[in-house]
């Protein structure tokens, strides 16, 4: 597989990712893809050839190797990296769909007809849900593969010697794994980097959800403040109308209006006369 072209496709994800997403992408390519390409494939290249058992029974070595290595580490890691990075391509495709739709809208209505998206790459609406679902999927894939590795290889380590009782072996035979210490080191390194990637995905997910909650609360407060301001304005207008109506009632009646405490009676009489 050409991992260089795959990396080129995912390089556009940086434009639409948060800071945590950029750290995650750098960690995947530097500490997972590069380590896989440079070292892991070479360490596991002679896996079957150097698996020796202390018997000459035909087929015994092949059966024992298949029993203890049902799936190769290298193939599992390759599948894991493909599944982990594919959701990021969905985000890029969603942004491309928005940009194409905006372009068609501009061609149909012109520049003065408004825009469908002020910023097609901004995580709002459907793009926000696509990004959140991609984070959940990536964390789930890494967690699933950690469980699979632990099921196949307890404690994520390989013993130097394993005992095989499978047919057609005549009895219990000892089989020796090639370079177990080196393989254990790279296995633990890949496991730790996968765990860190899961943590980054969860942190980014929490950041996006909390940011959306803050935006919703701020919008509700703004709406509440606007409604309160309109109610205050309506109340003040009603009070002014009441005062004007009272003045009209006093002008049309023979009764004198009530005196204010600091105004002389003579002034009121002159006003009425």
C-alpha atoms as a PDB file:
ATOM      1  CA  UNK A   1       0.000   0.000   0.000  1.00  0.00           C
ATOM      2  CA  UNK A   2       1.221   3.512  -0.866  1.00  0.00           C
ATOM      3  CA  UNK A   3       1.127   5.218   2.517  1.00  0.00           C
ATOM      4  CA  UNK A   4       2.550   8.443   1.043  1.00  0.00           C
ATOM      5  CA  UNK A   5      -0.543   9.094  -1.059  1.00  0.00           C
ATOM      6  CA  UNK A   6      -2.710   8.188   1.925  1.00  0.00           C
ATOM      7  CA  UNK A   7      -0.885  10.768   4.016  1.00  0.00           C
ATOM      8  CA  UNK A   8      -1.384  13.356   1.276  1.00  0.00           C
ATOM      9  CA  UNK A   9      -5.142  12.795   1.373  1.00  0.00           C
ATOM     10  CA  UNK A  10      -5.282  13.289   5.116  1.00  0.00           C
ATOM     11  CA  UNK A  11      -3.068  16.377   5.157  1.00  0.00           C
ATOM     12  CA  UNK A  12      -6.120  18.512   4.348  1.00  0.00           C
ATOM     13  CA  UNK A  13      -7.749  17.453   7.611  1.00  0.00           C
ATOM     14  CA  UNK A  14      -5.477  19.882   9.481  1.00  0.00           C
ATOM     15  CA  UNK A  15      -7.429  22.822   8.046  1.00  0.00           C
ATOM     16  CA  UNK A  16     -10.668  21.657   9.640  1.00  0.00           C
ATOM     17  CA  UNK A  17      -9.345  20.175  12.903  1.00  0.00           C
ATOM     18  CA  UNK A  18      -8.963  21.639  16.348  1.00  0.00           C
ATOM     19  CA  UNK A  19      -5.603  21.789  18.120  1.00  0.00           C
ATOM     20  CA  UNK A  20      -6.252  18.355  19.628  1.00  0.00           C
ATOM     21  CA  UNK A  21      -7.056  16.972  16.172  1.00  0.00           C
ATOM     22  CA  UNK A  22      -3.775  18.283  14.766  1.00  0.00           C
ATOM     23  CA  UNK A  23      -1.847  16.681  17.616  1.00  0.00           C
ATOM     24  CA  UNK A  24      -3.694  13.406  16.992  1.00  0.00           C
ATOM     25  CA  UNK A  25      -2.882  13.469  13.272  1.00  0.00           C
ATOM     26  CA  UNK A  26       0.801  14.203  13.941  1.00  0.00           C
ATOM     27  CA  UNK A  27       0.951  11.396  16.470  1.00  0.00           C
ATOM     28  CA  UNK A  28      -0.636   8.937  14.051  1.00  0.00           C
ATOM     29  CA  UNK A  29       1.741   9.644  11.188  1.00  0.00           C
ATOM     30  CA  UNK A  30       4.952  10.161  13.122  1.00  0.00           C
ATOM     31  CA  UNK A  31       4.680   7.547  15.849  1.00  0.00           C
ATOM     32  CA  UNK A  32       2.411   4.983  14.235  1.00  0.00           C
ATOM     33  CA  UNK A  33       2.615   5.031  10.445  1.00  0.00           C
ATOM     34  CA  UNK A  34       6.346   5.803  10.252  1.00  0.00           C
ATOM     35  CA  UNK A  35       7.225   3.283  12.971  1.00  0.00           C
ATOM     36  CA  UNK A  36       5.085   0.719  11.198  1.00  0.00           C
ATOM     37  CA  UNK A  37       6.755   1.345   7.831  1.00  0.00           C
ATOM     38  CA  UNK A  38      10.351   1.707   9.010  1.00  0.00           C
ATOM     39  CA  UNK A  39      10.670  -0.916  11.727  1.00  0.00           C
ATOM     40  CA  UNK A  40       7.605  -3.084  12.374  1.00  0.00           C
ATOM     41  CA  UNK A  41       7.421  -4.628   8.906  1.00  0.00           C
ATOM     42  CA  UNK A  42      11.099  -5.549   9.022  1.00  0.00           C
ATOM     43  CA  UNK A  43      10.923  -6.985  12.546  1.00  0.00           C
ATOM     44  CA  UNK A  44       7.990  -9.262  11.653  1.00  0.00           C
ATOM     45  CA  UNK A  45       9.143 -10.084   8.116  1.00  0.00           C
ATOM     46  CA  UNK A  46      10.820 -13.356   9.130  1.00  0.00           C
ATOM     47  CA  UNK A  47       8.141 -14.303  11.616  1.00  0.00           C
ATOM     48  CA  UNK A  48       7.126 -17.667  10.186  1.00  0.00           C
ATOM     49  CA  UNK A  49      10.518 -18.630   8.814  1.00  0.00           C
ATOM     50  CA  UNK A  50      12.278 -18.328  12.184  1.00  0.00           C
ATOM     51  CA  UNK A  51       9.566 -20.050  14.215  1.00  0.00           C
ATOM     52  CA  UNK A  52      11.308 -23.297  15.227  1.00  0.00           C
ATOM     53  CA  UNK A  53       9.884 -26.307  17.048  1.00  0.00           C
ATOM     54  CA  UNK A  54      11.929 -29.181  18.512  1.00  0.00           C
ATOM     55  CA  UNK A  55      10.309 -31.824  16.325  1.00  0.00           C
ATOM     56  CA  UNK A  56      10.645 -33.161  12.812  1.00  0.00           C
ATOM     57  CA  UNK A  57       6.976 -34.045  12.443  1.00  0.00           C
ATOM     58  CA  UNK A  58       5.766 -32.632   9.095  1.00  0.00           C
ATOM     59  CA  UNK A  59       3.237 -29.838   9.526  1.00  0.00           C
ATOM     60  CA  UNK A  60       3.758 -29.468  13.266  1.00  0.00           C
ATOM     61  CA  UNK A  61       5.534 -26.106  13.005  1.00  0.00           C
ATOM     62  CA  UNK A  62       2.851 -24.676  10.718  1.00  0.00           C
ATOM     63  CA  UNK A  63       0.012 -25.760  13.015  1.00  0.00           C
ATOM     64  CA  UNK A  64       1.728 -24.422  16.114  1.00  0.00           C
ATOM     65  CA  UNK A  65       2.496 -21.115  14.415  1.00  0.00           C
ATOM     66  CA  UNK A  66      -1.141 -20.742  13.360  1.00  0.00           C
ATOM     67  CA  UNK A  67      -2.283 -21.553  16.909  1.00  0.00           C
ATOM     68  CA  UNK A  68      -0.143 -18.898  18.575  1.00  0.00           C
ATOM     69  CA  UNK A  69      -0.265 -16.297  15.762  1.00  0.00           C
ATOM     70  CA  UNK A  70      -3.806 -16.446  14.311  1.00  0.00           C
ATOM     71  CA  UNK A  71      -3.347 -12.933  12.890  1.00  0.00           C
ATOM     72  CA  UNK A  72      -0.018 -11.256  12.314  1.00  0.00           C
ATOM     73  CA  UNK A  73       0.767  -8.085  14.255  1.00  0.00           C
ATOM     74  CA  UNK A  74       1.671  -6.295  11.038  1.00  0.00           C
ATOM     75  CA  UNK A  75      -1.644  -7.064   9.337  1.00  0.00           C
ATOM     76  CA  UNK A  76      -3.618  -6.100  12.414  1.00  0.00           C
ATOM     77  CA  UNK A  77      -1.798  -2.777  12.662  1.00  0.00           C
ATOM     78  CA  UNK A  78      -2.306  -2.080   8.958  1.00  0.00           C
ATOM     79  CA  UNK A  79      -6.050  -2.706   9.273  1.00  0.00           C
ATOM     80  CA  UNK A  80      -6.197  -0.609  12.428  1.00  0.00           C
ATOM     81  CA  UNK A  81      -4.448   2.371  10.823  1.00  0.00           C
ATOM     82  CA  UNK A  82      -6.727   2.252   7.781  1.00  0.00           C
ATOM     83  CA  UNK A  83      -9.907   2.144   9.868  1.00  0.00           C
ATOM     84  CA  UNK A  84      -8.685   4.851  12.244  1.00  0.00           C
ATOM     85  CA  UNK A  85      -7.776   7.352   9.541  1.00  0.00           C
ATOM     86  CA  UNK A  86     -10.749   6.802   7.202  1.00  0.00           C
ATOM     87  CA  UNK A  87     -13.246   8.868   9.290  1.00  0.00           C
ATOM     88  CA  UNK A  88     -11.036  11.919   8.805  1.00  0.00           C
ATOM     89  CA  UNK A  89     -11.556  11.534   5.059  1.00  0.00           C
ATOM     90  CA  UNK A  90     -15.307  11.781   5.636  1.00  0.00           C
ATOM     91  CA  UNK A  91     -14.799  15.217   7.191  1.00  0.00           C
ATOM     92  CA  UNK A  92     -12.822  16.370   4.141  1.00  0.00           C
ATOM     93  CA  UNK A  93     -15.500  14.976   1.823  1.00  0.00           C
ATOM     94  CA  UNK A  94     -18.250  16.755   3.769  1.00  0.00           C
ATOM     95  CA  UNK A  95     -16.413  20.076   3.476  1.00  0.00           C
ATOM     96  CA  UNK A  96     -15.900  19.471  -0.261  1.00  0.00           C
ATOM     97  CA  UNK A  97     -19.643  18.800  -0.601  1.00  0.00           C
ATOM     98  CA  UNK A  98     -20.412  22.097   1.139  1.00  0.00           C
ATOM     99  CA  UNK A  99     -18.011  24.012  -1.077  1.00  0.00           C
ATOM    100  CA  UNK A 100     -19.503  22.482  -4.242  1.00  0.00           C
ATOM    101  CA  UNK A 101     -23.025  23.309  -3.061  1.00  0.00           C
ATOM    102  CA  UNK A 102     -22.013  26.885  -2.259  1.00  0.00           C
ATOM    103  CA  UNK A 103     -20.440  27.246  -5.703  1.00  0.00           C
ATOM    104  CA  UNK A 104     -23.618  26.048  -7.436  1.00  0.00           C
ATOM    105  CA  UNK A 105     -25.691  28.431  -5.319  1.00  0.00           C
ATOM    106  CA  UNK A 106     -23.495  31.387  -6.252  1.00  0.00           C
ATOM    107  CA  UNK A 107     -23.723  30.493  -9.938  1.00  0.00           C
ATOM    108  CA  UNK A 108     -27.519  30.266  -9.715  1.00  0.00           C
ATOM    109  CA  UNK A 109     -28.351  33.434  -7.741  1.00  0.00           C
ATOM    110  CA  UNK A 110     -25.215  35.559  -8.198  1.00  0.00           C
ATOM    111  CA  UNK A 111     -23.124  37.396  -5.674  1.00  0.00           C
ATOM    112  CA  UNK A 112     -26.050  39.455  -4.352  1.00  0.00           C
ATOM    113  CA  UNK A 113     -28.256  36.450  -3.624  1.00  0.00           C
ATOM    114  CA  UNK A 114     -26.669  35.595  -0.281  1.00  0.00           C
ATOM    115  CA  UNK A 115     -24.620  32.600   0.741  1.00  0.00           C
ATOM    116  CA  UNK A 116     -25.543  29.159   2.003  1.00  0.00           C
ATOM    117  CA  UNK A 117     -22.423  28.867   4.191  1.00  0.00           C
ATOM    118  CA  UNK A 118     -20.385  31.791   5.478  1.00  0.00           C
ATOM    119  CA  UNK A 119     -17.524  29.370   6.091  1.00  0.00           C
ATOM    120  CA  UNK A 120     -17.944  25.849   4.633  1.00  0.00           C
ATOM    121  CA  UNK A 121     -15.173  24.486   6.851  1.00  0.00           C
ATOM    122  CA  UNK A 122     -16.659  25.741  10.120  1.00  0.00           C
ATOM    123  CA  UNK A 123     -17.933  22.948  12.337  1.00  0.00           C
ATOM    124  CA  UNK A 124     -21.623  23.806  12.476  1.00  0.00           C
ATOM    125  CA  UNK A 125     -24.758  21.867  11.655  1.00  0.00           C
ATOM    126  CA  UNK A 126     -24.148  18.604   9.857  1.00  0.00           C
ATOM    127  CA  UNK A 127     -20.379  19.067   9.700  1.00  0.00           C
ATOM    128  CA  UNK A 128     -20.255  19.266  13.499  1.00  0.00           C
ATOM    129  CA  UNK A 129     -22.066  15.936  13.762  1.00  0.00           C
ATOM    130  CA  UNK A 130     -19.791  14.382  11.120  1.00  0.00           C
ATOM    131  CA  UNK A 131     -16.717  15.486  13.060  1.00  0.00           C
ATOM    132  CA  UNK A 132     -18.092  14.254  16.392  1.00  0.00           C
ATOM    133  CA  UNK A 133     -19.080  10.875  14.922  1.00  0.00           C
ATOM    134  CA  UNK A 134     -15.597  10.526  13.410  1.00  0.00           C
ATOM    135  CA  UNK A 135     -14.038  11.065  16.853  1.00  0.00           C
ATOM    136  CA  UNK A 136     -16.297   8.453  18.429  1.00  0.00           C
ATOM    137  CA  UNK A 137     -15.544   5.987  15.626  1.00  0.00           C
ATOM    138  CA  UNK A 138     -11.765   6.489  15.843  1.00  0.00           C
ATOM    139  CA  UNK A 139     -11.715   6.010  19.606  1.00  0.00           C
ATOM    140  CA  UNK A 140     -13.933   2.925  19.290  1.00  0.00           C
ATOM    141  CA  UNK A 141     -11.699   1.359  16.615  1.00  0.00           C
ATOM    142  CA  UNK A 142      -8.533   1.854  18.670  1.00  0.00           C
ATOM    143  CA  UNK A 143     -10.205   0.473  21.793  1.00  0.00           C
ATOM    144  CA  UNK A 144     -11.507  -2.546  19.864  1.00  0.00           C
ATOM    145  CA  UNK A 145      -8.086  -3.370  18.461  1.00  0.00           C
ATOM    146  CA  UNK A 146      -6.507  -3.050  21.907  1.00  0.00           C
ATOM    147  CA  UNK A 147      -9.009  -5.616  23.131  1.00  0.00           C
ATOM    148  CA  UNK A 148      -8.290  -7.884  20.140  1.00  0.00           C
ATOM    149  CA  UNK A 149      -4.538  -7.696  20.736  1.00  0.00           C
ATOM    150  CA  UNK A 150      -5.037  -8.525  24.393  1.00  0.00           C
ATOM    151  CA  UNK A 151      -7.241 -11.483  23.479  1.00  0.00           C
ATOM    152  CA  UNK A 152      -4.689 -12.913  21.059  1.00  0.00           C
ATOM    153  CA  UNK A 153      -1.585 -12.017  23.049  1.00  0.00           C
ATOM    154  CA  UNK A 154      -2.220 -11.747  26.835  1.00  0.00           C
ATOM    155  CA  UNK A 155      -0.494  -8.731  28.441  1.00  0.00           C
ATOM    156  CA  UNK A 156       0.530  -7.685  24.901  1.00  0.00           C
ATOM    157  CA  UNK A 157       3.781  -9.661  25.215  1.00  0.00           C
ATOM    158  CA  UNK A 158       5.260 -12.676  23.461  1.00  0.00           C
ATOM    159  CA  UNK A 159       7.024 -15.409  25.460  1.00  0.00           C
ATOM    160  CA  UNK A 160      10.339 -16.691  24.075  1.00  0.00           C
ATOM    161  CA  UNK A 161       9.132 -20.314  24.272  1.00  0.00           C
ATOM    162  CA  UNK A 162       5.635 -21.694  23.804  1.00  0.00           C
ATOM    163  CA  UNK A 163       4.356 -25.221  24.254  1.00  0.00           C
ATOM    164  CA  UNK A 164       2.219 -26.749  21.513  1.00  0.00           C
ATOM    165  CA  UNK A 165      -0.107 -29.752  21.877  1.00  0.00           C
ATOM    166  CA  UNK A 166      -1.962 -29.506  18.557  1.00  0.00           C
ATOM    167  CA  UNK A 167      -2.144 -32.354  16.063  1.00  0.00           C
ATOM    168  CA  UNK A 168      -0.188 -33.624  14.136  1.00  0.00           C
ATOM    169  CA  UNK A 169       2.481 -32.989  16.758  1.00  0.00           C
ATOM    170  CA  UNK A 170       3.244 -36.352  18.436  1.00  0.00           C
ATOM    171  CA  UNK A 171       3.384 -34.852  21.920  1.00  0.00           C
ATOM    172  CA  UNK A 172       3.967 -31.568  23.709  1.00  0.00           C
ATOM    173  CA  UNK A 173       6.670 -29.719  21.765  1.00  0.00           C
ATOM    174  CA  UNK A 174       8.558 -26.535  22.517  1.00  0.00           C
ATOM    175  CA  UNK A 175       8.485 -23.787  19.880  1.00  0.00           C
ATOM    176  CA  UNK A 176      10.783 -20.782  19.855  1.00  0.00           C
ATOM    177  CA  UNK A 177       9.732 -17.316  18.704  1.00  0.00           C
ATOM    178  CA  UNK A 178      12.209 -15.188  16.796  1.00  0.00           C
ATOM    179  CA  UNK A 179      13.356 -11.927  18.466  1.00  0.00           C
ATOM    180  CA  UNK A 180      10.695 -11.865  21.211  1.00  0.00           C
ATOM    181  CA  UNK A 181      12.229  -8.941  23.153  1.00  0.00           C
ATOM    182  CA  UNK A 182      12.396  -6.684  20.100  1.00  0.00           C
ATOM    183  CA  UNK A 183       8.833  -7.574  19.129  1.00  0.00           C
ATOM    184  CA  UNK A 184       7.597  -6.884  22.664  1.00  0.00           C
ATOM    185  CA  UNK A 185       9.195  -3.435  22.632  1.00  0.00           C
ATOM    186  CA  UNK A 186       7.530  -2.418  19.371  1.00  0.00           C
ATOM    187  CA  UNK A 187       4.220  -3.960  20.434  1.00  0.00           C
ATOM    188  CA  UNK A 188       4.159  -1.962  23.674  1.00  0.00           C
ATOM    189  CA  UNK A 189       5.141   1.176  21.769  1.00  0.00           C
ATOM    190  CA  UNK A 190       2.220   0.767  19.354  1.00  0.00           C
ATOM    191  CA  UNK A 191      -0.165  -0.024  22.225  1.00  0.00           C
ATOM    192  CA  UNK A 192       0.875   3.088  24.167  1.00  0.00           C
ATOM    193  CA  UNK A 193       0.524   5.366  21.139  1.00  0.00           C
ATOM    194  CA  UNK A 194      -2.934   3.900  20.436  1.00  0.00           C
ATOM    195  CA  UNK A 195      -3.975   4.606  24.044  1.00  0.00           C
ATOM    196  CA  UNK A 196      -2.721   8.189  23.755  1.00  0.00           C
ATOM    197  CA  UNK A 197      -4.725   8.605  20.533  1.00  0.00           C
ATOM    198  CA  UNK A 198      -7.852   7.376  22.314  1.00  0.00           C
ATOM    199  CA  UNK A 199      -7.253   9.922  25.079  1.00  0.00           C
ATOM    200  CA  UNK A 200      -6.809  12.741  22.550  1.00  0.00           C
ATOM    201  CA  UNK A 201     -10.035  11.758  20.788  1.00  0.00           C
ATOM    202  CA  UNK A 202     -11.963  11.806  24.063  1.00  0.00           C
ATOM    203  CA  UNK A 203     -10.467  15.159  25.074  1.00  0.00           C
ATOM    204  CA  UNK A 204     -11.346  16.673  21.697  1.00  0.00           C
ATOM    205  CA  UNK A 205     -14.857  15.233  21.929  1.00  0.00           C
ATOM    206  CA  UNK A 206     -15.331  16.775  25.377  1.00  0.00           C
ATOM    207  CA  UNK A 207     -13.975  20.095  24.118  1.00  0.00           C
ATOM    208  CA  UNK A 208     -16.398  20.209  21.174  1.00  0.00           C
ATOM    209  CA  UNK A 209     -19.421  19.223  23.271  1.00  0.00           C
ATOM    210  CA  UNK A 210     -18.621  21.728  26.034  1.00  0.00           C
ATOM    211  CA  UNK A 211     -18.046  24.475  23.473  1.00  0.00           C
ATOM    212  CA  UNK A 212     -21.403  23.751  21.842  1.00  0.00           C
ATOM    213  CA  UNK A 213     -23.128  23.806  25.250  1.00  0.00           C
ATOM    214  CA  UNK A 214     -21.563  27.183  26.065  1.00  0.00           C
ATOM    215  CA  UNK A 215     -22.692  28.574  22.720  1.00  0.00           C
ATOM    216  CA  UNK A 216     -26.266  27.355  23.300  1.00  0.00           C
ATOM    217  CA  UNK A 217     -26.357  28.868  26.808  1.00  0.00           C
ATOM    218  CA  UNK A 218     -24.993  32.177  25.528  1.00  0.00           C
ATOM    219  CA  UNK A 219     -27.609  32.242  22.764  1.00  0.00           C
ATOM    220  CA  UNK A 220     -30.408  31.588  25.277  1.00  0.00           C
ATOM    221  CA  UNK A 221     -29.130  34.345  27.571  1.00  0.00           C
ATOM    222  CA  UNK A 222     -29.041  36.741  24.642  1.00  0.00           C
ATOM    223  CA  UNK A 223     -32.598  35.844  23.694  1.00  0.00           C
ATOM    224  CA  UNK A 224     -33.744  36.262  27.282  1.00  0.00           C
ATOM    225  CA  UNK A 225     -32.069  39.658  27.545  1.00  0.00           C
ATOM    226  CA  UNK A 226     -33.721  40.760  24.286  1.00  0.00           C
ATOM    227  CA  UNK A 227     -37.166  39.671  25.479  1.00  0.00           C
ATOM    228  CA  UNK A 228     -36.686  41.456  28.810  1.00  0.00           C
ATOM    229  CA  UNK A 229     -35.612  44.642  27.057  1.00  0.00           C
ATOM    230  CA  UNK A 230     -38.696  44.548  24.811  1.00  0.00           C
ATOM    231  CA  UNK A 231     -40.937  44.001  27.828  1.00  0.00           C
ATOM    232  CA  UNK A 232     -39.378  47.002  29.635  1.00  0.00           C
ATOM    233  CA  UNK A 233     -39.910  49.191  26.581  1.00  0.00           C
ATOM    234  CA  UNK A 234     -43.546  48.067  26.299  1.00  0.00           C
ATOM    235  CA  UNK A 235     -44.126  48.779  30.004  1.00  0.00           C
ATOM    236  CA  UNK A 236     -42.656  52.288  29.733  1.00  0.00           C
ATOM    237  CA  UNK A 237     -44.791  53.041  26.680  1.00  0.00           C
ATOM    238  CA  UNK A 238     -47.914  51.883  28.542  1.00  0.00           C
ATOM    239  CA  UNK A 239     -47.057  54.160  31.480  1.00  0.00           C
ATOM    240  CA  UNK A 240     -46.639  57.134  29.151  1.00  0.00           C
ATOM    241  CA  UNK A 241     -50.000  56.350  27.546  1.00  0.00           C
ATOM    242  CA  UNK A 242     -51.634  56.200  30.985  1.00  0.00           C
ATOM    243  CA  UNK A 243     -50.193  59.579  31.930  1.00  0.00           C
ATOM    244  CA  UNK A 244     -51.410  61.166  28.709  1.00  0.00           C
ATOM    245  CA  UNK A 245     -54.867  59.663  29.160  1.00  0.00           C
ATOM    246  CA  UNK A 246     -55.019  60.993  32.756  1.00  0.00           C
ATOM    247  CA  UNK A 247     -54.093  64.470  31.527  1.00  0.00           C
ATOM    248  CA  UNK A 248     -56.864  64.342  28.940  1.00  0.00           C
ATOM    249  CA  UNK A 249     -59.358  63.216  31.604  1.00  0.00           C
ATOM    250  CA  UNK A 250     -58.435  66.129  33.870  1.00  0.00           C
ATOM    251  CA  UNK A 251     -58.633  68.642  31.039  1.00  0.00           C
ATOM    252  CA  UNK A 252     -62.112  67.473  30.092  1.00  0.00           C
ATOM    253  CA  UNK A 253     -63.507  67.455  33.641  1.00  0.00           C
ATOM    254  CA  UNK A 254     -64.397  70.195  36.127  1.00  0.00           C
ATOM    255  CA  UNK A 255     -62.516  68.490  38.980  1.00  0.00           C
ATOM    256  CA  UNK A 256     -59.081  69.828  39.785  1.00  0.00           C
ATOM    257  CA  UNK A 257     -56.126  67.549  39.416  1.00  0.00           C
ATOM    258  CA  UNK A 258     -54.404  66.421  42.612  1.00  0.00           C
ATOM    259  CA  UNK A 259     -51.755  68.782  43.904  1.00  0.00           C
ATOM    260  CA  UNK A 260     -48.157  67.798  43.974  1.00  0.00           C
ATOM    261  CA  UNK A 261     -46.554  68.222  47.403  1.00  0.00           C
ATOM    262  CA  UNK A 262     -43.977  70.850  46.416  1.00  0.00           C
ATOM    263  CA  UNK A 263     -46.110  73.010  44.128  1.00  0.00           C
ATOM    264  CA  UNK A 264     -48.193  75.998  45.413  1.00  0.00           C
ATOM    265  CA  UNK A 265     -51.995  76.101  45.086  1.00  0.00           C
ATOM    266  CA  UNK A 266     -51.935  79.531  43.550  1.00  0.00           C
ATOM    267  CA  UNK A 267     -49.962  78.355  40.583  1.00  0.00           C
ATOM    268  CA  UNK A 268     -52.483  75.597  39.989  1.00  0.00           C
ATOM    269  CA  UNK A 269     -55.417  78.031  40.146  1.00  0.00           C
ATOM    270  CA  UNK A 270     -53.799  80.358  37.651  1.00  0.00           C
ATOM    271  CA  UNK A 271     -53.172  77.436  35.370  1.00  0.00           C
ATOM    272  CA  UNK A 272     -56.791  76.318  35.544  1.00  0.00           C
ATOM    273  CA  UNK A 273     -58.117  79.833  35.008  1.00  0.00           C
END
